[in-house]
Amino acid sequence: MKTDRKIEDQQKLILRICHKCGHANESVKELERCQKCSKAFLPLMYATCSDAKTTKEYKNLFQESSEVEPEDVIKGLVAIWD
């Protein structure tokens, strides 16, 4: 159980794989664009995108990793990116 506690104390990272170039983007804040090819990302909570009426409201949809709710996170995901 020490391992679980150690993980909880560390700052959490959001990992997004770019579907255009395949780059693995890591950040504590949800990124708006791929760090390698600048392809735009939708926010993790993209279902609420239609609620954003201004650019500022849209940018506020991108969250810090500490703001992401545990039920919105996929843990231990393994995938083959093809």
Protein backbone atom coordinates (compact mmCIF):
# COMPACT_ATOMS: atom_id res chain seq x y z
CA MET A 1 0.00 0.00 0.00
CA LYS A 2 2.98 2.36 0.30
CA THR A 3 3.12 2.51 -3.49
CA ASP A 4 -0.48 3.74 -3.73
CA ARG A 5 0.15 6.49 -1.20
CA LYS A 6 3.33 7.55 -3.02
CA ILE A 7 1.42 7.83 -6.32
CA GLU A 8 -1.33 9.90 -4.69
CA ASP A 9 1.23 12.36 -3.29
CA GLN A 10 2.89 12.91 -6.67
CA GLN A 11 1.56 15.43 -9.14
CA LYS A 12 -0.61 13.65 -11.69
CA LEU A 13 0.11 13.85 -15.41
CA ILE A 14 -2.37 13.94 -18.26
CA LEU A 15 -1.12 11.82 -21.16
CA ARG A 16 -2.56 12.34 -24.62
CA ILE A 17 -1.39 10.62 -27.77
CA CYS A 18 -1.71 12.73 -30.90
CA HIS A 19 -3.76 10.91 -33.54
CA LYS A 20 -1.96 12.84 -36.29
CA CYS A 21 1.75 12.34 -35.47
CA GLY A 22 1.63 9.78 -32.62
CA HIS A 23 3.55 11.98 -30.16
CA ALA A 24 2.91 11.23 -26.47
CA ASN A 25 2.08 14.56 -24.82
CA GLU A 26 2.48 14.74 -21.04
CA SER A 27 1.47 17.69 -18.89
CA VAL A 28 -0.07 18.57 -15.53
CA LYS A 29 -2.48 20.84 -17.43
CA GLU A 30 -4.63 19.53 -20.23
CA LEU A 31 -2.97 20.62 -23.49
CA GLU A 32 -4.85 22.45 -26.23
CA ARG A 33 -2.40 21.38 -28.95
CA CYS A 34 0.12 18.62 -29.66
CA GLN A 35 3.59 19.68 -28.52
CA LYS A 36 5.16 18.25 -31.69
CA CYS A 37 2.84 18.98 -34.65
CA SER A 38 0.43 21.56 -33.11
CA LYS A 39 -2.69 19.54 -33.96
CA ALA A 40 -5.58 20.89 -31.85
CA PHE A 41 -7.08 18.72 -29.11
CA LEU A 42 -10.61 18.84 -27.76
CA PRO A 43 -10.90 19.14 -23.97
CA LEU A 44 -11.39 15.91 -22.00
CA MET A 45 -14.84 17.19 -21.08
CA TYR A 46 -15.73 17.83 -24.74
CA ALA A 47 -19.42 17.09 -24.16
CA THR A 48 -19.69 20.54 -22.55
CA CYS A 49 -17.95 22.32 -25.47
CA SER A 50 -21.30 23.50 -26.84
CA ASP A 51 -21.90 25.34 -23.54
CA ALA A 52 -18.87 27.57 -24.17
CA LYS A 53 -20.02 30.73 -25.93
CA THR A 54 -16.69 32.60 -25.94
CA THR A 55 -13.06 31.70 -26.54
CA LYS A 56 -12.30 32.33 -22.86
CA GLU A 57 -15.07 29.93 -21.75
CA TYR A 58 -13.74 27.30 -24.21
CA LYS A 59 -10.17 27.66 -22.88
CA ASN A 60 -11.50 27.21 -19.34
CA LEU A 61 -12.73 23.72 -20.32
CA PHE A 62 -9.08 22.56 -20.37
CA GLN A 63 -8.39 21.38 -16.81
CA GLU A 64 -5.46 20.94 -14.47
CA SER A 65 -4.79 17.28 -13.65
CA SER A 66 -5.87 17.94 -10.04
CA GLU A 67 -9.31 19.07 -11.31
CA VAL A 68 -10.02 15.85 -13.24
CA GLU A 69 -12.46 13.68 -11.29
CA PRO A 70 -11.38 10.06 -10.57
CA GLU A 71 -14.43 8.65 -12.39
CA ASP A 72 -13.34 10.48 -15.57
CA VAL A 73 -9.91 8.82 -15.63
CA ILE A 74 -8.95 5.55 -17.31
CA LYS A 75 -6.26 3.93 -15.16
CA GLY A 76 -3.83 1.31 -16.35
CA LEU A 77 -4.74 1.65 -20.01
CA VAL A 78 -2.66 -0.40 -22.44
CA ALA A 79 -3.20 0.08 -26.14
CA ILE A 80 -1.56 -0.67 -29.45
CA TRP A 81 -1.45 2.57 -31.40
CA ASP A 82 -1.62 1.74 -35.09
